[in-house]
Amino acid sequence: MARATGSFESALEGVRRAAASTLSRMSSLPQRPDEITVEFGIQLDAEVGAVLARTGAQGHIQVQVTWRRKEDDGQGD
Protein backbone atom coordinates (compact mmCIF):
# COMPACT_ATOMS: atom_id res chain seq x y z
CA MET A 1 0.00 0.00 0.00
CA ALA A 2 2.88 2.38 0.70
CA ARG A 3 4.07 2.08 -2.91
CA ALA A 4 0.57 2.91 -4.18
CA THR A 5 0.42 5.98 -1.94
CA GLY A 6 3.86 7.05 -3.18
CA SER A 7 2.79 6.58 -6.81
CA PHE A 8 -0.37 8.63 -6.21
CA GLU A 9 1.58 11.43 -4.55
CA SER A 10 4.13 11.31 -7.36
CA ALA A 11 1.34 11.57 -9.95
CA LEU A 12 -0.19 14.54 -8.09
CA GLU A 13 3.18 16.28 -7.97
CA GLY A 14 3.46 15.82 -11.74
CA VAL A 15 -0.02 17.33 -12.15
CA ARG A 16 0.91 20.28 -9.95
CA ARG A 17 4.04 21.00 -11.97
CA ALA A 18 2.18 20.62 -15.28
CA ALA A 19 -0.62 22.94 -14.10
CA ALA A 20 1.83 25.61 -12.96
CA SER A 21 3.75 25.41 -16.24
CA THR A 22 0.58 25.51 -18.34
CA LEU A 23 -0.84 28.52 -16.50
CA SER A 24 2.48 30.36 -16.65
CA ARG A 25 2.84 29.83 -20.39
CA MET A 26 -0.77 30.70 -21.23
CA SER A 27 -0.68 33.80 -19.01
CA SER A 28 2.44 35.07 -20.77
CA LEU A 29 0.86 35.07 -24.24
CA PRO A 30 1.09 38.48 -25.98
CA GLN A 31 -2.69 38.78 -25.79
CA ARG A 32 -3.44 37.33 -22.36
CA PRO A 33 -6.56 35.12 -22.23
CA ASP A 34 -9.55 36.14 -20.13
CA GLU A 35 -9.98 32.60 -18.91
CA ILE A 36 -7.77 29.50 -18.72
CA THR A 37 -9.22 26.12 -17.80
CA VAL A 38 -6.88 23.20 -17.21
CA GLU A 39 -8.32 19.72 -16.69
CA PHE A 40 -6.29 16.71 -15.68
CA GLY A 41 -7.22 13.06 -15.54
CA ILE A 42 -5.11 10.52 -13.71
CA GLN A 43 -5.60 6.78 -13.83
CA LEU A 44 -3.64 4.71 -11.35
CA ASP A 45 -3.50 0.96 -11.46
CA ALA A 46 -1.83 -1.69 -9.37
CA GLU A 47 -1.23 -5.40 -9.68
CA VAL A 48 -1.43 -6.95 -6.26
CA GLY A 49 -0.05 -10.33 -5.19
CA ALA A 50 1.25 -11.08 -1.74
CA VAL A 51 2.73 -7.58 -1.89
CA LEU A 52 2.09 -4.68 -4.19
CA ALA A 53 4.02 -5.76 -7.27
CA ARG A 54 3.62 -2.92 -9.74
CA THR A 55 2.00 0.48 -9.92
CA GLY A 56 1.51 2.71 -12.90
CA ALA A 57 -0.04 6.01 -13.83
CA GLN A 58 -1.63 7.29 -17.01
CA GLY A 59 -3.06 10.69 -17.58
CA HIS A 60 -4.29 13.36 -19.91
CA ILE A 61 -4.41 17.13 -19.94
CA GLN A 62 -6.99 19.35 -21.59
CA VAL A 63 -6.46 23.10 -21.82
CA GLN A 64 -9.18 25.56 -22.81
CA VAL A 65 -8.21 29.19 -23.41
CA THR A 66 -10.90 31.88 -23.83
CA TRP A 67 -10.65 35.44 -25.07
CA ARG A 68 -13.72 37.67 -24.85
CA ARG A 69 -14.35 40.52 -27.23
CA LYS A 70 -14.12 43.87 -25.54
CA GLU A 71 -17.04 46.20 -26.17
CA ASP A 72 -16.05 49.49 -27.76
CA ASP A 73 -16.17 52.01 -24.93
CA GLY A 74 -16.62 54.92 -27.35
CA GLN A 75 -13.27 56.48 -26.38
CA GLY A 76 -11.68 55.79 -29.78
CA ASP A 77 -8.46 54.26 -28.38
PDB file of N, CA and C in Angstrom:
ATOM      1  N   MET A   1       0.816  -1.194   0.000  1.00  0.00           N
ATOM      2  CA  MET A   1       0.000   0.000   0.000  1.00  0.00           C
ATOM      3  C   MET A   1       0.862   1.261   0.000  1.00  0.00           C
ATOM      4  N   ALA A   2       2.006   1.197   0.650  1.00  0.00           N
ATOM      5  CA  ALA A   2       2.877   2.376   0.704  1.00  0.00           C
ATOM      6  C   ALA A   2       3.352   2.770  -0.690  1.00  0.00           C
ATOM      7  N   ARG A   3       3.635   1.780  -1.547  1.00  0.00           N
ATOM      8  CA  ARG A   3       4.070   2.083  -2.907  1.00  0.00           C
ATOM      9  C   ARG A   3       2.951   2.753  -3.697  1.00  0.00           C
ATOM     10  N   ALA A   4       1.708   2.302  -3.475  1.00  0.00           N
ATOM     11  CA  ALA A   4       0.569   2.911  -4.177  1.00  0.00           C
ATOM     12  C   ALA A   4       0.398   4.357  -3.752  1.00  0.00           C
ATOM     13  N   THR A   5       0.531   4.609  -2.443  1.00  0.00           N
ATOM     14  CA  THR A   5       0.419   5.976  -1.945  1.00  0.00           C
ATOM     15  C   THR A   5       1.519   6.843  -2.536  1.00  0.00           C
ATOM     16  N   GLY A   6       2.735   6.311  -2.599  1.00  0.00           N
ATOM     17  CA  GLY A   6       3.857   7.047  -3.183  1.00  0.00           C
ATOM     18  C   GLY A   6       3.625   7.340  -4.653  1.00  0.00           C
ATOM     19  N   SER A   7       3.075   6.381  -5.385  1.00  0.00           N
ATOM     20  CA  SER A   7       2.786   6.582  -6.806  1.00  0.00           C
ATOM     21  C   SER A   7       1.717   7.651  -6.994  1.00  0.00           C
ATOM     22  N   PHE A   8       0.691   7.636  -6.143  1.00  0.00           N
ATOM     23  CA  PHE A   8      -0.369   8.633  -6.212  1.00  0.00           C
ATOM     24  C   PHE A   8       0.191  10.014  -5.930  1.00  0.00           C
ATOM     25  N   GLU A   9       0.987  10.136  -4.889  1.00  0.00           N
ATOM     26  CA  GLU A   9       1.584  11.426  -4.549  1.00  0.00           C
ATOM     27  C   GLU A   9       2.523  11.899  -5.650  1.00  0.00           C
ATOM     28  N   SER A  10       3.250  10.974  -6.251  1.00  0.00           N
ATOM     29  CA  SER A  10       4.135  11.315  -7.363  1.00  0.00           C
ATOM     30  C   SER A  10       3.331  11.814  -8.557  1.00  0.00           C
ATOM     31  N   ALA A  11       2.211  11.141  -8.843  1.00  0.00           N
ATOM     32  CA  ALA A  11       1.337  11.571  -9.948  1.00  0.00           C
ATOM     33  C   ALA A  11       0.773  12.958  -9.673  1.00  0.00           C
ATOM     34  N   LEU A  12       0.348  13.219  -8.432  1.00  0.00           N
ATOM     35  CA  LEU A  12      -0.194  14.538  -8.089  1.00  0.00           C
ATOM     36  C   LEU A  12       0.866  15.623  -8.203  1.00  0.00           C
ATOM     37  N   GLU A  13       2.094  15.307  -7.844  1.00  0.00           N
ATOM     38  CA  GLU A  13       3.180  16.279  -7.969  1.00  0.00           C
ATOM     39  C   GLU A  13       3.407  16.606  -9.450  1.00  0.00           C
ATOM     40  N   GLY A  14       3.334  15.591 -10.301  1.00  0.00           N
ATOM     41  CA  GLY A  14       3.456  15.820 -11.740  1.00  0.00           C
ATOM     42  C   GLY A  14       2.339  16.719 -12.252  1.00  0.00           C
ATOM     43  N   VAL A  15       1.122  16.502 -11.760  1.00  0.00           N
ATOM     44  CA  VAL A  15      -0.023  17.334 -12.149  1.00  0.00           C
ATOM     45  C   VAL A  15       0.191  18.768 -11.686  1.00  0.00           C
ATOM     46  N   ARG A  16       0.662  18.938 -10.477  1.00  0.00           N
ATOM     47  CA  ARG A  16       0.905  20.284  -9.945  1.00  0.00           C
ATOM     48  C   ARG A  16       1.919  21.033 -10.798  1.00  0.00           C
ATOM     49  N   ARG A  17       3.019  20.358 -11.149  1.00  0.00           N
ATOM     50  CA  ARG A  17       4.044  21.004 -11.974  1.00  0.00           C
ATOM     51  C   ARG A  17       3.507  21.325 -13.371  1.00  0.00           C
ATOM     52  N   ALA A  18       2.747  20.395 -13.945  1.00  0.00           N
ATOM     53  CA  ALA A  18       2.184  20.622 -15.280  1.00  0.00           C
ATOM     54  C   ALA A  18       1.182  21.778 -15.256  1.00  0.00           C
ATOM     55  N   ALA A  19       0.361  21.852 -14.213  1.00  0.00           N
ATOM     56  CA  ALA A  19      -0.623  22.940 -14.097  1.00  0.00           C
ATOM     57  C   ALA A  19       0.087  24.286 -13.978  1.00  0.00           C
ATOM     58  N   ALA A  20       1.098  24.359 -13.137  1.00  0.00           N
ATOM     59  CA  ALA A  20       1.833  25.609 -12.960  1.00  0.00           C
ATOM     60  C   ALA A  20       2.497  26.043 -14.265  1.00  0.00           C
ATOM     61  N   SER A  21       3.104  25.101 -14.974  1.00  0.00           N
ATOM     62  CA  SER A  21       3.754  25.408 -16.236  1.00  0.00           C
ATOM     63  C   SER A  21       2.746  25.861 -17.287  1.00  0.00           C
ATOM     64  N   THR A  22       1.620  25.164 -17.373  1.00  0.00           N
ATOM     65  CA  THR A  22       0.581  25.508 -18.340  1.00  0.00           C
ATOM     66  C   THR A  22       0.036  26.908 -18.075  1.00  0.00           C
ATOM     67  N   LEU A  23      -0.305  27.200 -16.837  1.00  0.00           N
ATOM     68  CA  LEU A  23      -0.843  28.519 -16.501  1.00  0.00           C
ATOM     69  C   LEU A  23       0.174  29.624 -16.751  1.00  0.00           C
ATOM     70  N   SER A  24       1.427  29.370 -16.432  1.00  0.00           N
ATOM     71  CA  SER A  24       2.477  30.355 -16.654  1.00  0.00           C
ATOM     72  C   SER A  24       2.625  30.662 -18.143  1.00  0.00           C
ATOM     73  N   ARG A  25       2.656  29.623 -18.948  1.00  0.00           N
ATOM     74  CA  ARG A  25       2.837  29.829 -20.395  1.00  0.00           C
ATOM     75  C   ARG A  25       1.631  30.501 -21.035  1.00  0.00           C
ATOM     76  N   MET A  26       0.437  30.098 -20.648  1.00  0.00           N
ATOM     77  CA  MET A  26      -0.769  30.696 -21.229  1.00  0.00           C
ATOM     78  C   MET A  26      -0.935  32.146 -20.778  1.00  0.00           C
ATOM     79  N   SER A  27      -0.560  32.440 -19.540  1.00  0.00           N
ATOM     80  CA  SER A  27      -0.678  33.803 -19.010  1.00  0.00           C
ATOM     81  C   SER A  27       0.336  34.750 -19.632  1.00  0.00           C
ATOM     82  N   SER A  28       1.408  34.209 -20.186  1.00  0.00           N
ATOM     83  CA  SER A  28       2.436  35.069 -20.770  1.00  0.00           C
ATOM     84  C   SER A  28       2.248  35.266 -22.276  1.00  0.00           C
ATOM     85  N   LEU A  29       1.133  34.818 -22.826  1.00  0.00           N
ATOM     86  CA  LEU A  29       0.859  35.068 -24.241  1.00  0.00           C
ATOM     87  C   LEU A  29       0.773  36.571 -24.490  1.00  0.00           C
ATOM     88  N   PRO A  30       1.148  37.037 -25.692  1.00  0.00           N
ATOM     89  CA  PRO A  30       1.087  38.476 -25.977  1.00  0.00           C
ATOM     90  C   PRO A  30      -0.303  39.067 -25.723  1.00  0.00           C
ATOM     91  N   GLN A  31      -1.334  38.337 -26.084  1.00  0.00           N
ATOM     92  CA  GLN A  31      -2.695  38.776 -25.788  1.00  0.00           C
ATOM     93  C   GLN A  31      -3.228  37.809 -24.733  1.00  0.00           C
ATOM     94  N   ARG A  32      -3.114  38.211 -23.483  1.00  0.00           N
ATOM     95  CA  ARG A  32      -3.444  37.328 -22.360  1.00  0.00           C
ATOM     96  C   ARG A  32      -4.917  36.897 -22.400  1.00  0.00           C
ATOM     97  N   PRO A  33      -5.178  35.597 -22.223  1.00  0.00           N
ATOM     98  CA  PRO A  33      -6.555  35.118 -22.232  1.00  0.00           C
ATOM     99  C   PRO A  33      -7.349  35.635 -21.039  1.00  0.00           C
ATOM    100  N   ASP A  34      -8.663  35.752 -21.228  1.00  0.00           N
ATOM    101  CA  ASP A  34      -9.551  36.139 -20.135  1.00  0.00           C
ATOM    102  C   ASP A  34      -9.802  34.978 -19.190  1.00  0.00           C
ATOM    103  N   GLU A  35      -9.683  33.771 -19.716  1.00  0.00           N
ATOM    104  CA  GLU A  35      -9.976  32.596 -18.905  1.00  0.00           C
ATOM    105  C   GLU A  35      -9.106  31.429 -19.374  1.00  0.00           C
ATOM    106  N   ILE A  36      -8.555  30.697 -18.424  1.00  0.00           N
ATOM    107  CA  ILE A  36      -7.770  29.500 -18.718  1.00  0.00           C
ATOM    108  C   ILE A  36      -8.336  28.377 -17.862  1.00  0.00           C
ATOM    109  N   THR A  37      -8.729  27.295 -18.511  1.00  0.00           N
ATOM    110  CA  THR A  37      -9.223  26.124 -17.798  1.00  0.00           C
ATOM    111  C   THR A  37      -8.285  24.961 -18.094  1.00  0.00           C
ATOM    112  N   VAL A  38      -7.767  24.338 -17.054  1.00  0.00           N
ATOM    113  CA  VAL A  38      -6.877  23.195 -17.208  1.00  0.00           C
ATOM    114  C   VAL A  38      -7.531  22.010 -16.510  1.00  0.00           C
ATOM    115  N   GLU A  39      -7.696  20.922 -17.243  1.00  0.00           N
ATOM    116  CA  GLU A  39      -8.322  19.721 -16.694  1.00  0.00           C
ATOM    117  C   GLU A  39      -7.340  18.571 -16.802  1.00  0.00           C
ATOM    118  N   PHE A  40      -7.185  17.857 -15.708  1.00  0.00           N
ATOM    119  CA  PHE A  40      -6.289  16.706 -15.678  1.00  0.00           C
ATOM    120  C   PHE A  40      -7.075  15.458 -15.340  1.00  0.00           C
ATOM    121  N   GLY A  41      -6.681  14.362 -15.914  1.00  0.00           N
ATOM    122  CA  GLY A  41      -7.222  13.064 -15.543  1.00  0.00           C
ATOM    123  C   GLY A  41      -6.061  12.141 -15.226  1.00  0.00           C
ATOM    124  N   ILE A  42      -6.153  11.455 -14.118  1.00  0.00           N
ATOM    125  CA  ILE A  42      -5.105  10.516 -13.709  1.00  0.00           C
ATOM    126  C   ILE A  42      -5.750   9.159 -13.492  1.00  0.00           C
ATOM    127  N   GLN A  43      -5.145   8.151 -14.064  1.00  0.00           N
ATOM    128  CA  GLN A  43      -5.604   6.784 -13.828  1.00  0.00           C
ATOM    129  C   GLN A  43      -4.446   6.025 -13.215  1.00  0.00           C
ATOM    130  N   LEU A  44      -4.656   5.520 -12.017  1.00  0.00           N
ATOM    131  CA  LEU A  44      -3.644   4.711 -11.348  1.00  0.00           C
ATOM    132  C   LEU A  44      -4.100   3.265 -11.372  1.00  0.00           C
ATOM    133  N   ASP A  45      -3.152   2.364 -11.530  1.00  0.00           N
ATOM    134  CA  ASP A  45      -3.496   0.956 -11.459  1.00  0.00           C
ATOM    135  C   ASP A  45      -2.419   0.237 -10.664  1.00  0.00           C
ATOM    136  N   ALA A  46      -2.783  -0.899 -10.146  1.00  0.00           N
ATOM    137  CA  ALA A  46      -1.827  -1.694  -9.368  1.00  0.00           C
ATOM    138  C   ALA A  46      -2.142  -3.161  -9.557  1.00  0.00           C
ATOM    139  N   GLU A  47      -1.087  -3.956  -9.685  1.00  0.00           N
ATOM    140  CA  GLU A  47      -1.226  -5.398  -9.685  1.00  0.00           C
ATOM    141  C   GLU A  47      -0.813  -5.855  -8.293  1.00  0.00           C
ATOM    142  N   VAL A  48      -1.687  -6.575  -7.638  1.00  0.00           N
ATOM    143  CA  VAL A  48      -1.434  -6.954  -6.260  1.00  0.00           C
ATOM    144  C   VAL A  48      -1.304  -8.468  -6.160  1.00  0.00           C
ATOM    145  N   GLY A  49      -0.234  -8.928  -5.519  1.00  0.00           N
ATOM    146  CA  GLY A  49      -0.053 -10.334  -5.189  1.00  0.00           C
ATOM    147  C   GLY A  49       0.027 -10.397  -3.678  1.00  0.00           C
ATOM    148  N   ALA A  50       1.035 -11.065  -3.181  1.00  0.00           N
ATOM    149  CA  ALA A  50       1.255 -11.076  -1.741  1.00  0.00           C
ATOM    150  C   ALA A  50       1.672  -9.693  -1.274  1.00  0.00           C
ATOM    151  N   VAL A  51       2.372  -8.978  -2.140  1.00  0.00           N
ATOM    152  CA  VAL A  51       2.734  -7.578  -1.886  1.00  0.00           C
ATOM    153  C   VAL A  51       2.379  -6.790  -3.135  1.00  0.00           C
ATOM    154  N   LEU A  52       2.377  -5.515  -3.036  1.00  0.00           N
ATOM    155  CA  LEU A  52       2.095  -4.679  -4.193  1.00  0.00           C
ATOM    156  C   LEU A  52       3.248  -4.835  -5.174  1.00  0.00           C
ATOM    157  N   ALA A  53       2.961  -5.398  -6.334  1.00  0.00           N
ATOM    158  CA  ALA A  53       4.015  -5.755  -7.265  1.00  0.00           C
ATOM    159  C   ALA A  53       4.352  -4.634  -8.245  1.00  0.00           C
ATOM    160  N   ARG A  54       3.357  -3.933  -8.718  1.00  0.00           N
ATOM    161  CA  ARG A  54       3.618  -2.920  -9.737  1.00  0.00           C
ATOM    162  C   ARG A  54       2.553  -1.846  -9.654  1.00  0.00           C
ATOM    163  N   THR A  55       2.964  -0.614  -9.816  1.00  0.00           N
ATOM    164  CA  THR A  55       2.003   0.482  -9.923  1.00  0.00           C
ATOM    165  C   THR A  55       2.313   1.252 -11.184  1.00  0.00           C
ATOM    166  N   GLY A  56       1.319   1.909 -11.702  1.00  0.00           N
ATOM    167  CA  GLY A  56       1.514   2.714 -12.903  1.00  0.00           C
ATOM    168  C   GLY A  56       0.557   3.882 -12.893  1.00  0.00           C
ATOM    169  N   ALA A  57       0.837   4.842 -13.717  1.00  0.00           N
ATOM    170  CA  ALA A  57      -0.038   6.006 -13.828  1.00  0.00           C
ATOM    171  C   ALA A  57      -0.168   6.380 -15.295  1.00  0.00           C
ATOM    172  N   GLN A  58      -1.360   6.762 -15.684  1.00  0.00           N
ATOM    173  CA  GLN A  58      -1.635   7.289 -17.012  1.00  0.00           C
ATOM    174  C   GLN A  58      -2.413   8.572 -16.808  1.00  0.00           C
ATOM    175  N   GLY A  59      -2.322   9.450 -17.753  1.00  0.00           N
ATOM    176  CA  GLY A  59      -3.065  10.690 -17.578  1.00  0.00           C
ATOM    177  C   GLY A  59      -3.288  11.425 -18.870  1.00  0.00           C
ATOM    178  N   HIS A  60      -4.065  12.471 -18.771  1.00  0.00           N
ATOM    179  CA  HIS A  60      -4.289  13.360 -19.905  1.00  0.00           C
ATOM    180  C   HIS A  60      -4.427  14.782 -19.381  1.00  0.00           C
ATOM    181  N   ILE A  61      -4.243  15.712 -20.280  1.00  0.00           N
ATOM    182  CA  ILE A  61      -4.407  17.126 -19.940  1.00  0.00           C
ATOM    183  C   ILE A  61      -5.245  17.768 -21.044  1.00  0.00           C
ATOM    184  N   GLN A  62      -6.161  18.591 -20.647  1.00  0.00           N
ATOM    185  CA  GLN A  62      -6.986  19.349 -21.593  1.00  0.00           C
ATOM    186  C   GLN A  62      -6.920  20.809 -21.171  1.00  0.00           C
ATOM    187  N   VAL A  63      -6.581  21.675 -22.108  1.00  0.00           N
ATOM    188  CA  VAL A  63      -6.459  23.100 -21.819  1.00  0.00           C
ATOM    189  C   VAL A  63      -7.453  23.858 -22.702  1.00  0.00           C
ATOM    190  N   GLN A  64      -8.244  24.709 -22.075  1.00  0.00           N
ATOM    191  CA  GLN A  64      -9.180  25.565 -22.809  1.00  0.00           C
ATOM    192  C   GLN A  64      -8.813  27.006 -22.500  1.00  0.00           C
ATOM    193  N   VAL A  65      -8.601  27.789 -23.552  1.00  0.00           N
ATOM    194  CA  VAL A  65      -8.214  29.188 -23.409  1.00  0.00           C
ATOM    195  C   VAL A  65      -9.306  30.034 -24.063  1.00  0.00           C
ATOM    196  N   THR A  66      -9.787  31.060 -23.345  1.00  0.00           N
ATOM    197  CA  THR A  66     -10.896  31.880 -23.831  1.00  0.00           C
ATOM    198  C   THR A  66     -10.507  33.354 -23.834  1.00  0.00           C
ATOM    199  N   TRP A  67     -10.777  33.990 -24.967  1.00  0.00           N
ATOM    200  CA  TRP A  67     -10.652  35.437 -25.071  1.00  0.00           C
ATOM    201  C   TRP A  67     -12.048  35.983 -25.329  1.00  0.00           C
ATOM    202  N   ARG A  68     -12.417  37.039 -24.641  1.00  0.00           N
ATOM    203  CA  ARG A  68     -13.715  37.671 -24.848  1.00  0.00           C
ATOM    204  C   ARG A  68     -13.516  38.979 -25.600  1.00  0.00           C
ATOM    205  N   ARG A  69     -14.414  39.247 -26.503  1.00  0.00           N
ATOM    206  CA  ARG A  69     -14.348  40.520 -27.232  1.00  0.00           C
ATOM    207  C   ARG A  69     -14.658  41.657 -26.276  1.00  0.00           C
ATOM    208  N   LYS A  70     -13.889  42.679 -26.371  1.00  0.00           N
ATOM    209  CA  LYS A  70     -14.118  43.865 -25.545  1.00  0.00           C
ATOM    210  C   LYS A  70     -15.097  44.764 -26.288  1.00  0.00           C
ATOM    211  N   GLU A  71     -16.095  45.247 -25.580  1.00  0.00           N
ATOM    212  CA  GLU A  71     -17.038  46.200 -26.167  1.00  0.00           C
ATOM    213  C   GLU A  71     -16.332  47.521 -26.389  1.00  0.00           C
ATOM    214  N   ASP A  72     -16.618  48.178 -27.489  1.00  0.00           N
ATOM    215  CA  ASP A  72     -16.053  49.494 -27.763  1.00  0.00           C
ATOM    216  C   ASP A  72     -16.607  50.467 -26.730  1.00  0.00           C
ATOM    217  N   ASP A  73     -15.725  51.096 -25.988  1.00  0.00           N
ATOM    218  CA  ASP A  73     -16.169  52.006 -24.929  1.00  0.00           C
ATOM    219  C   ASP A  73     -16.451  53.423 -25.439  1.00  0.00           C
ATOM    220  N   GLY A  74     -16.332  53.605 -26.763  1.00  0.00           N
ATOM    221  CA  GLY A  74     -16.621  54.918 -27.348  1.00  0.00           C
ATOM    222  C   GLY A  74     -15.520  55.931 -27.178  1.00  0.00           C
ATOM    223  N   GLN A  75     -14.373  55.553 -26.636  1.00  0.00           N
ATOM    224  CA  GLN A  75     -13.275  56.475 -26.376  1.00  0.00           C
ATOM    225  C   GLN A  75     -12.361  56.619 -27.589  1.00  0.00           C
ATOM    226  N   GLY A  76     -12.481  55.692 -28.575  1.00  0.00           N
ATOM    227  CA  GLY A  76     -11.682  55.792 -29.778  1.00  0.00           C
ATOM    228  C   GLY A  76     -10.213  55.443 -29.590  1.00  0.00           C
ATOM    229  N   ASP A  77      -9.873  54.628 -28.615  1.00  0.00           N
ATOM    230  CA  ASP A  77      -8.465  54.257 -28.377  1.00  0.00           C
ATOM    231  C   ASP A  77      -7.970  53.337 -29.448  1.00  0.00           C
TER     232      ASP A  77
END
